[in-house]
Amino acid sequence: MSGPGGRFDVLVEVSLREGVSDPQGATIERSLPALDVTGVTGVRVGKAIRFTMEAVDEGDARSRAEDLCRRFLSNPVIEDARVEVLRA
C-alpha cells in the first residue's frame, strides 16, 4: 500500500456463541478436579488469530478485519468474533 495509512496489528478472538455446545470446554472442565483444581466453571474454548495488515487508518483496518471474520475466519452462525486493532 502506498500513500497515507500504515500497518496495524490485528487480534481476532473467535468463540462459540452462548447456547452452542462446547465439547472441548466441557472436557476440560470435567478434567480439572483430577488436577485438584476446584471452583472453575463455564470453560469455553476458542481460537485467537493474529496478523498485521496495511490500511488507510484504524477504522479501515477494523472494517476489513471484521469483513474477513464474516467471510473466512469464523462461522457467524455459531461463533462470535471480537476484533482488536492497534497501530503496528
N, C-alpha and C. Protein backbone atom coordinates (compact mmCIF):
# COMPACT_ATOMS: atom_id res chain seq x y z
N MET A 1 0.85 -1.16 0.00
CA MET A 1 0.00 0.00 0.00
C MET A 1 0.89 1.23 0.00
N SER A 2 0.57 2.22 -0.78
CA SER A 2 1.37 3.44 -0.82
C SER A 2 0.53 4.60 -0.32
N GLY A 3 1.20 5.71 0.01
CA GLY A 3 0.49 6.89 0.48
C GLY A 3 0.20 6.82 1.96
N PRO A 4 -0.81 7.61 2.41
CA PRO A 4 -1.11 7.64 3.83
C PRO A 4 -1.60 6.28 4.32
N GLY A 5 -1.60 6.14 5.60
CA GLY A 5 -2.05 4.87 6.17
C GLY A 5 -0.93 4.26 6.97
N GLY A 6 -0.99 2.99 7.12
CA GLY A 6 0.06 2.33 7.88
C GLY A 6 -0.24 0.88 8.12
N ARG A 7 0.55 0.34 9.01
CA ARG A 7 0.42 -1.07 9.37
C ARG A 7 -0.29 -1.17 10.71
N PHE A 8 -1.17 -2.15 10.81
CA PHE A 8 -1.96 -2.35 12.02
C PHE A 8 -1.88 -3.81 12.45
N ASP A 9 -1.64 -4.02 13.74
CA ASP A 9 -1.69 -5.36 14.31
C ASP A 9 -3.14 -5.67 14.64
N VAL A 10 -3.58 -6.84 14.25
CA VAL A 10 -4.98 -7.24 14.46
C VAL A 10 -4.99 -8.53 15.27
N LEU A 11 -5.84 -8.56 16.29
CA LEU A 11 -6.10 -9.76 17.06
C LEU A 11 -7.58 -10.08 16.92
N VAL A 12 -7.88 -11.28 16.47
CA VAL A 12 -9.26 -11.74 16.35
C VAL A 12 -9.43 -12.90 17.33
N GLU A 13 -10.40 -12.77 18.22
CA GLU A 13 -10.73 -13.85 19.14
C GLU A 13 -12.09 -14.41 18.75
N VAL A 14 -12.10 -15.69 18.42
CA VAL A 14 -13.32 -16.36 17.96
C VAL A 14 -13.77 -17.31 19.06
N SER A 15 -15.04 -17.24 19.42
CA SER A 15 -15.59 -18.13 20.44
C SER A 15 -16.99 -18.58 20.01
N LEU A 16 -17.38 -19.72 20.53
CA LEU A 16 -18.72 -20.21 20.23
C LEU A 16 -19.75 -19.31 20.89
N ARG A 17 -20.86 -19.10 20.21
CA ARG A 17 -21.94 -18.28 20.76
C ARG A 17 -22.53 -18.98 21.99
N GLU A 18 -23.09 -18.16 22.89
CA GLU A 18 -23.80 -18.72 24.04
C GLU A 18 -24.89 -19.66 23.53
N GLY A 19 -25.04 -20.79 24.20
CA GLY A 19 -26.07 -21.75 23.82
C GLY A 19 -25.58 -22.80 22.84
N VAL A 20 -24.39 -22.59 22.24
CA VAL A 20 -23.83 -23.59 21.33
C VAL A 20 -22.97 -24.54 22.15
N SER A 21 -23.17 -25.82 21.99
CA SER A 21 -22.43 -26.83 22.72
C SER A 21 -20.92 -26.68 22.50
N ASP A 22 -20.16 -26.78 23.59
CA ASP A 22 -18.70 -26.67 23.52
C ASP A 22 -18.08 -27.92 24.14
N PRO A 23 -17.97 -29.02 23.37
CA PRO A 23 -17.47 -30.27 23.93
C PRO A 23 -16.03 -30.16 24.44
N GLN A 24 -15.19 -29.36 23.80
CA GLN A 24 -13.81 -29.20 24.29
C GLN A 24 -13.81 -28.53 25.66
N GLY A 25 -14.58 -27.48 25.80
CA GLY A 25 -14.68 -26.80 27.08
C GLY A 25 -15.21 -27.72 28.16
N ALA A 26 -16.23 -28.51 27.84
CA ALA A 26 -16.81 -29.44 28.80
C ALA A 26 -15.78 -30.49 29.23
N THR A 27 -14.99 -30.98 28.30
CA THR A 27 -13.96 -31.98 28.62
C THR A 27 -12.92 -31.39 29.56
N ILE A 28 -12.48 -30.17 29.27
CA ILE A 28 -11.51 -29.51 30.15
C ILE A 28 -12.10 -29.34 31.54
N GLU A 29 -13.32 -28.85 31.60
CA GLU A 29 -13.96 -28.61 32.90
C GLU A 29 -14.10 -29.89 33.71
N ARG A 30 -14.48 -30.99 33.05
CA ARG A 30 -14.61 -32.28 33.76
C ARG A 30 -13.26 -32.80 34.24
N SER A 31 -12.17 -32.43 33.56
CA SER A 31 -10.83 -32.93 33.91
C SER A 31 -10.18 -32.17 35.05
N LEU A 32 -10.62 -30.98 35.34
CA LEU A 32 -9.96 -30.13 36.33
C LEU A 32 -9.92 -30.72 37.74
N PRO A 33 -11.00 -31.35 38.23
CA PRO A 33 -10.92 -31.93 39.58
C PRO A 33 -9.80 -32.97 39.72
N ALA A 34 -9.50 -33.71 38.67
CA ALA A 34 -8.42 -34.70 38.73
C ALA A 34 -7.06 -34.02 38.92
N LEU A 35 -6.99 -32.74 38.60
CA LEU A 35 -5.75 -31.96 38.79
C LEU A 35 -5.82 -31.14 40.07
N ASP A 36 -6.80 -31.46 40.92
CA ASP A 36 -7.02 -30.73 42.18
C ASP A 36 -7.33 -29.25 41.94
N VAL A 37 -7.97 -28.95 40.83
CA VAL A 37 -8.42 -27.58 40.54
C VAL A 37 -9.92 -27.55 40.78
N THR A 38 -10.33 -26.66 41.68
CA THR A 38 -11.75 -26.54 42.00
C THR A 38 -12.20 -25.10 41.78
N GLY A 39 -13.51 -24.93 41.70
CA GLY A 39 -14.07 -23.60 41.58
C GLY A 39 -14.00 -23.00 40.19
N VAL A 40 -13.72 -23.82 39.18
CA VAL A 40 -13.66 -23.33 37.79
C VAL A 40 -14.88 -23.87 37.06
N THR A 41 -15.68 -22.97 36.51
CA THR A 41 -16.86 -23.38 35.76
C THR A 41 -16.97 -22.55 34.49
N GLY A 42 -17.83 -22.99 33.61
CA GLY A 42 -18.10 -22.22 32.38
C GLY A 42 -16.93 -22.18 31.42
N VAL A 43 -16.15 -23.24 31.35
CA VAL A 43 -14.98 -23.27 30.46
C VAL A 43 -15.46 -23.28 29.01
N ARG A 44 -14.95 -22.37 28.22
CA ARG A 44 -15.26 -22.27 26.80
C ARG A 44 -13.94 -22.23 26.04
N VAL A 45 -13.87 -22.92 24.92
CA VAL A 45 -12.66 -22.96 24.11
C VAL A 45 -12.91 -22.15 22.84
N GLY A 46 -11.90 -21.39 22.44
CA GLY A 46 -11.99 -20.59 21.23
C GLY A 46 -10.66 -20.60 20.50
N LYS A 47 -10.47 -19.63 19.64
CA LYS A 47 -9.20 -19.52 18.93
C LYS A 47 -8.83 -18.06 18.79
N ALA A 48 -7.53 -17.82 18.73
CA ALA A 48 -7.01 -16.47 18.55
C ALA A 48 -6.24 -16.45 17.23
N ILE A 49 -6.47 -15.42 16.44
CA ILE A 49 -5.80 -15.26 15.15
C ILE A 49 -5.16 -13.88 15.14
N ARG A 50 -3.85 -13.83 14.90
CA ARG A 50 -3.13 -12.56 14.88
C ARG A 50 -2.53 -12.35 13.50
N PHE A 51 -2.58 -11.10 13.04
CA PHE A 51 -1.95 -10.77 11.77
C PHE A 51 -1.71 -9.27 11.71
N THR A 52 -0.92 -8.85 10.76
CA THR A 52 -0.65 -7.44 10.50
C THR A 52 -1.22 -7.11 9.14
N MET A 53 -1.87 -5.95 9.03
CA MET A 53 -2.41 -5.55 7.74
C MET A 53 -2.11 -4.09 7.46
N GLU A 54 -2.03 -3.76 6.20
CA GLU A 54 -1.88 -2.38 5.74
C GLU A 54 -3.29 -1.82 5.57
N ALA A 55 -3.49 -0.60 6.06
CA ALA A 55 -4.81 0.02 5.94
C ALA A 55 -4.65 1.53 5.97
N VAL A 56 -5.69 2.23 5.51
CA VAL A 56 -5.69 3.69 5.47
C VAL A 56 -5.64 4.25 6.89
N ASP A 57 -6.45 3.67 7.80
CA ASP A 57 -6.48 4.11 9.19
C ASP A 57 -7.03 2.97 10.03
N GLU A 58 -7.17 3.20 11.33
CA GLU A 58 -7.64 2.15 12.23
C GLU A 58 -9.05 1.68 11.87
N GLY A 59 -9.92 2.62 11.50
CA GLY A 59 -11.29 2.25 11.12
C GLY A 59 -11.32 1.35 9.90
N ASP A 60 -10.47 1.66 8.93
CA ASP A 60 -10.38 0.83 7.72
C ASP A 60 -9.87 -0.56 8.08
N ALA A 61 -8.85 -0.62 8.94
CA ALA A 61 -8.30 -1.92 9.35
C ALA A 61 -9.37 -2.74 10.07
N ARG A 62 -10.11 -2.10 10.98
CA ARG A 62 -11.16 -2.81 11.73
C ARG A 62 -12.25 -3.31 10.79
N SER A 63 -12.69 -2.47 9.87
CA SER A 63 -13.74 -2.85 8.93
C SER A 63 -13.31 -4.03 8.07
N ARG A 64 -12.08 -3.97 7.57
CA ARG A 64 -11.58 -5.06 6.73
C ARG A 64 -11.40 -6.34 7.53
N ALA A 65 -10.92 -6.23 8.77
CA ALA A 65 -10.75 -7.41 9.63
C ALA A 65 -12.10 -8.04 9.96
N GLU A 66 -13.09 -7.21 10.27
CA GLU A 66 -14.43 -7.73 10.57
C GLU A 66 -15.04 -8.42 9.35
N ASP A 67 -14.81 -7.85 8.17
CA ASP A 67 -15.29 -8.50 6.94
C ASP A 67 -14.59 -9.85 6.75
N LEU A 68 -13.30 -9.89 7.01
CA LEU A 68 -12.54 -11.14 6.90
C LEU A 68 -13.10 -12.18 7.87
N CYS A 69 -13.47 -11.75 9.06
CA CYS A 69 -14.07 -12.67 10.04
C CYS A 69 -15.35 -13.27 9.50
N ARG A 70 -16.24 -12.41 8.99
CA ARG A 70 -17.53 -12.89 8.47
C ARG A 70 -17.35 -13.83 7.28
N ARG A 71 -16.36 -13.54 6.43
CA ARG A 71 -16.19 -14.30 5.20
C ARG A 71 -15.35 -15.55 5.34
N PHE A 72 -14.42 -15.58 6.35
CA PHE A 72 -13.44 -16.66 6.34
C PHE A 72 -13.01 -17.15 7.72
N LEU A 73 -12.76 -16.25 8.66
CA LEU A 73 -12.13 -16.63 9.92
C LEU A 73 -13.09 -17.22 10.95
N SER A 74 -14.37 -16.98 10.80
CA SER A 74 -15.34 -17.52 11.75
C SER A 74 -16.60 -17.94 11.03
N ASN A 75 -17.40 -18.71 11.74
CA ASN A 75 -18.72 -19.10 11.23
C ASN A 75 -19.74 -18.27 12.00
N PRO A 76 -20.23 -17.17 11.40
CA PRO A 76 -21.11 -16.26 12.13
C PRO A 76 -22.42 -16.89 12.61
N VAL A 77 -22.75 -18.07 12.12
CA VAL A 77 -23.97 -18.74 12.58
C VAL A 77 -23.79 -19.26 14.01
N ILE A 78 -22.59 -19.77 14.33
CA ILE A 78 -22.37 -20.38 15.64
C ILE A 78 -21.25 -19.72 16.45
N GLU A 79 -20.52 -18.77 15.84
CA GLU A 79 -19.38 -18.16 16.53
C GLU A 79 -19.48 -16.64 16.57
N ASP A 80 -18.92 -16.08 17.63
CA ASP A 80 -18.74 -14.64 17.75
C ASP A 80 -17.27 -14.34 17.52
N ALA A 81 -16.99 -13.20 16.91
CA ALA A 81 -15.60 -12.79 16.70
C ALA A 81 -15.42 -11.38 17.27
N ARG A 82 -14.37 -11.23 18.06
CA ARG A 82 -14.03 -9.93 18.63
C ARG A 82 -12.73 -9.48 17.98
N VAL A 83 -12.72 -8.25 17.44
CA VAL A 83 -11.57 -7.75 16.72
C VAL A 83 -10.93 -6.61 17.52
N GLU A 84 -9.61 -6.71 17.69
CA GLU A 84 -8.83 -5.65 18.34
C GLU A 84 -7.80 -5.18 17.34
N VAL A 85 -7.68 -3.86 17.16
CA VAL A 85 -6.76 -3.29 16.17
C VAL A 85 -5.85 -2.28 16.87
N LEU A 86 -4.55 -2.40 16.65
CA LEU A 86 -3.56 -1.46 17.18
C LEU A 86 -2.60 -1.07 16.08
N ARG A 87 -2.15 0.17 16.09
CA ARG A 87 -1.14 0.59 15.10
C ARG A 87 0.13 -0.19 15.38
N ALA A 88 0.70 -0.77 14.33
CA ALA A 88 1.92 -1.58 14.47
C ALA A 88 3.11 -0.69 14.75
